[in-house]
């Protein structure tokens, strides 16, 4: 969708039911992190694709969320990418 305001043209890329949030201080970011942790707690072998589908977000958002949780030492990956599992710390 194109919009025009006093600063110029703005292009918005809309996704149906897509909750795009920056994982830097936004209160919605915490809810996505909590969702991801909850899904991982239910199934430690859950894939990134399943997390994307269940959280109704994008690959980059789930990736940033996992990166942040790993950095905060709340989550780690055990084993290989294909045959491993997620561990909550």
C-alpha atoms as a PDB file:
ATOM      1  CA  UNK A   1       0.000   0.000   0.000  1.00  0.00           C
ATOM      2  CA  UNK A   2       1.307   3.460  -0.836  1.00  0.00           C
ATOM      3  CA  UNK A   3       0.593   6.450   1.363  1.00  0.00           C
ATOM      4  CA  UNK A   4       1.577  10.053   1.075  1.00  0.00           C
ATOM      5  CA  UNK A   5       2.113  12.451   3.920  1.00  0.00           C
ATOM      6  CA  UNK A   6       4.026  15.706   4.373  1.00  0.00           C
ATOM      7  CA  UNK A   7       7.347  13.882   4.661  1.00  0.00           C
ATOM      8  CA  UNK A   8       6.883  12.083   1.325  1.00  0.00           C
ATOM      9  CA  UNK A   9       5.791   8.675   0.133  1.00  0.00           C
ATOM     10  CA  UNK A  10       5.560   5.759   2.502  1.00  0.00           C
ATOM     11  CA  UNK A  11       5.417   2.173   1.338  1.00  0.00           C
ATOM     12  CA  UNK A  12       3.778  -0.302   3.692  1.00  0.00           C
ATOM     13  CA  UNK A  13       4.079  -4.024   3.257  1.00  0.00           C
ATOM     14  CA  UNK A  14       1.039  -5.563   4.872  1.00  0.00           C
ATOM     15  CA  UNK A  15       0.625  -9.173   5.828  1.00  0.00           C
ATOM     16  CA  UNK A  16      -2.687 -10.595   6.831  1.00  0.00           C
ATOM     17  CA  UNK A  17      -2.653 -11.287  10.574  1.00  0.00           C
ATOM     18  CA  UNK A  18       1.063 -10.489  10.754  1.00  0.00           C
ATOM     19  CA  UNK A  19       2.232  -9.022  14.056  1.00  0.00           C
ATOM     20  CA  UNK A  20       5.516  -7.294  13.214  1.00  0.00           C
ATOM     21  CA  UNK A  21       7.337  -6.029  16.266  1.00  0.00           C
ATOM     22  CA  UNK A  22      10.876  -4.982  16.894  1.00  0.00           C
ATOM     23  CA  UNK A  23      12.301  -6.990  19.759  1.00  0.00           C
ATOM     24  CA  UNK A  24      13.749  -3.915  21.434  1.00  0.00           C
ATOM     25  CA  UNK A  25      11.623  -2.729  24.325  1.00  0.00           C
ATOM     26  CA  UNK A  26       8.211  -3.157  22.719  1.00  0.00           C
ATOM     27  CA  UNK A  27       5.682  -4.700  25.118  1.00  0.00           C
ATOM     28  CA  UNK A  28       4.434  -7.004  22.332  1.00  0.00           C
ATOM     29  CA  UNK A  29       7.932  -8.428  22.011  1.00  0.00           C
ATOM     30  CA  UNK A  30       7.653  -9.929  25.486  1.00  0.00           C
ATOM     31  CA  UNK A  31       4.431 -11.688  24.559  1.00  0.00           C
ATOM     32  CA  UNK A  32       6.076 -13.223  21.479  1.00  0.00           C
ATOM     33  CA  UNK A  33       9.046 -14.352  23.576  1.00  0.00           C
ATOM     34  CA  UNK A  34       6.633 -15.856  26.101  1.00  0.00           C
ATOM     35  CA  UNK A  35       4.759 -17.616  23.283  1.00  0.00           C
ATOM     36  CA  UNK A  36       7.992 -19.022  21.859  1.00  0.00           C
ATOM     37  CA  UNK A  37       9.105 -20.260  25.299  1.00  0.00           C
ATOM     38  CA  UNK A  38       5.685 -21.795  25.882  1.00  0.00           C
ATOM     39  CA  UNK A  39       5.714 -23.651  22.552  1.00  0.00           C
ATOM     40  CA  UNK A  40       9.276 -24.872  23.197  1.00  0.00           C
ATOM     41  CA  UNK A  41       8.271 -26.030  26.677  1.00  0.00           C
ATOM     42  CA  UNK A  42       5.419 -28.045  25.120  1.00  0.00           C
ATOM     43  CA  UNK A  43       7.660 -29.546  22.431  1.00  0.00           C
ATOM     44  CA  UNK A  44      11.438 -29.259  22.648  1.00  0.00           C
ATOM     45  CA  UNK A  45      11.788 -30.566  19.089  1.00  0.00           C
ATOM     46  CA  UNK A  46       9.625 -27.813  17.578  1.00  0.00           C
ATOM     47  CA  UNK A  47      11.029 -26.353  14.368  1.00  0.00           C
ATOM     48  CA  UNK A  48      11.493 -22.721  13.389  1.00  0.00           C
ATOM     49  CA  UNK A  49       8.813 -23.205  10.711  1.00  0.00           C
ATOM     50  CA  UNK A  50       6.344 -24.426  13.339  1.00  0.00           C
ATOM     51  CA  UNK A  51       7.181 -21.486  15.622  1.00  0.00           C
ATOM     52  CA  UNK A  52       6.577 -19.075  12.734  1.00  0.00           C
ATOM     53  CA  UNK A  53       3.204 -20.645  12.029  1.00  0.00           C
ATOM     54  CA  UNK A  54       2.119 -20.852  15.681  1.00  0.00           C
ATOM     55  CA  UNK A  55       3.176 -17.289  16.567  1.00  0.00           C
ATOM     56  CA  UNK A  56       1.829 -15.939  13.267  1.00  0.00           C
ATOM     57  CA  UNK A  57       4.998 -13.915  12.686  1.00  0.00           C
ATOM     58  CA  UNK A  58       7.904 -13.932  10.250  1.00  0.00           C
ATOM     59  CA  UNK A  59      11.140 -15.921  10.168  1.00  0.00           C
ATOM     60  CA  UNK A  60      13.155 -12.821  11.068  1.00  0.00           C
ATOM     61  CA  UNK A  61      11.030 -12.089  14.145  1.00  0.00           C
ATOM     62  CA  UNK A  62      11.265 -15.664  15.422  1.00  0.00           C
ATOM     63  CA  UNK A  63      15.004 -15.660  14.664  1.00  0.00           C
ATOM     64  CA  UNK A  64      15.561 -12.429  16.605  1.00  0.00           C
ATOM     65  CA  UNK A  65      13.462 -13.740  19.460  1.00  0.00           C
ATOM     66  CA  UNK A  66      15.483 -16.961  19.665  1.00  0.00           C
ATOM     67  CA  UNK A  67      18.733 -14.994  19.400  1.00  0.00           C
ATOM     68  CA  UNK A  68      17.655 -12.751  22.281  1.00  0.00           C
ATOM     69  CA  UNK A  69      16.554 -15.698  24.441  1.00  0.00           C
ATOM     70  CA  UNK A  70      19.880 -17.464  23.805  1.00  0.00           C
ATOM     71  CA  UNK A  71      21.807 -14.284  24.635  1.00  0.00           C
ATOM     72  CA  UNK A  72      19.830 -13.917  27.893  1.00  0.00           C
ATOM     73  CA  UNK A  73      20.683 -17.576  28.651  1.00  0.00           C
ATOM     74  CA  UNK A  74      17.022 -18.604  28.785  1.00  0.00           C
ATOM     75  CA  UNK A  75      17.301 -21.016  25.870  1.00  0.00           C
ATOM     76  CA  UNK A  76      19.882 -23.169  24.135  1.00  0.00           C
ATOM     77  CA  UNK A  77      19.982 -25.648  21.294  1.00  0.00           C
ATOM     78  CA  UNK A  78      21.257 -29.144  22.096  1.00  0.00           C
ATOM     79  CA  UNK A  79      22.376 -31.446  19.321  1.00  0.00           C
ATOM     80  CA  UNK A  80      22.361 -30.826  15.604  1.00  0.00           C
ATOM     81  CA  UNK A  81      20.147 -28.396  13.731  1.00  0.00           C
ATOM     82  CA  UNK A  82      18.141 -31.218  12.182  1.00  0.00           C
ATOM     83  CA  UNK A  83      18.057 -33.808  14.965  1.00  0.00           C
ATOM     84  CA  UNK A  84      18.533 -31.637  18.046  1.00  0.00           C
ATOM     85  CA  UNK A  85      16.142 -30.059  20.492  1.00  0.00           C
ATOM     86  CA  UNK A  86      15.613 -26.826  22.445  1.00  0.00           C
ATOM     87  CA  UNK A  87      16.493 -26.668  26.144  1.00  0.00           C
ATOM     88  CA  UNK A  88      14.986 -24.107  28.502  1.00  0.00           C
ATOM     89  CA  UNK A  89      17.493 -22.901  31.067  1.00  0.00           C
END
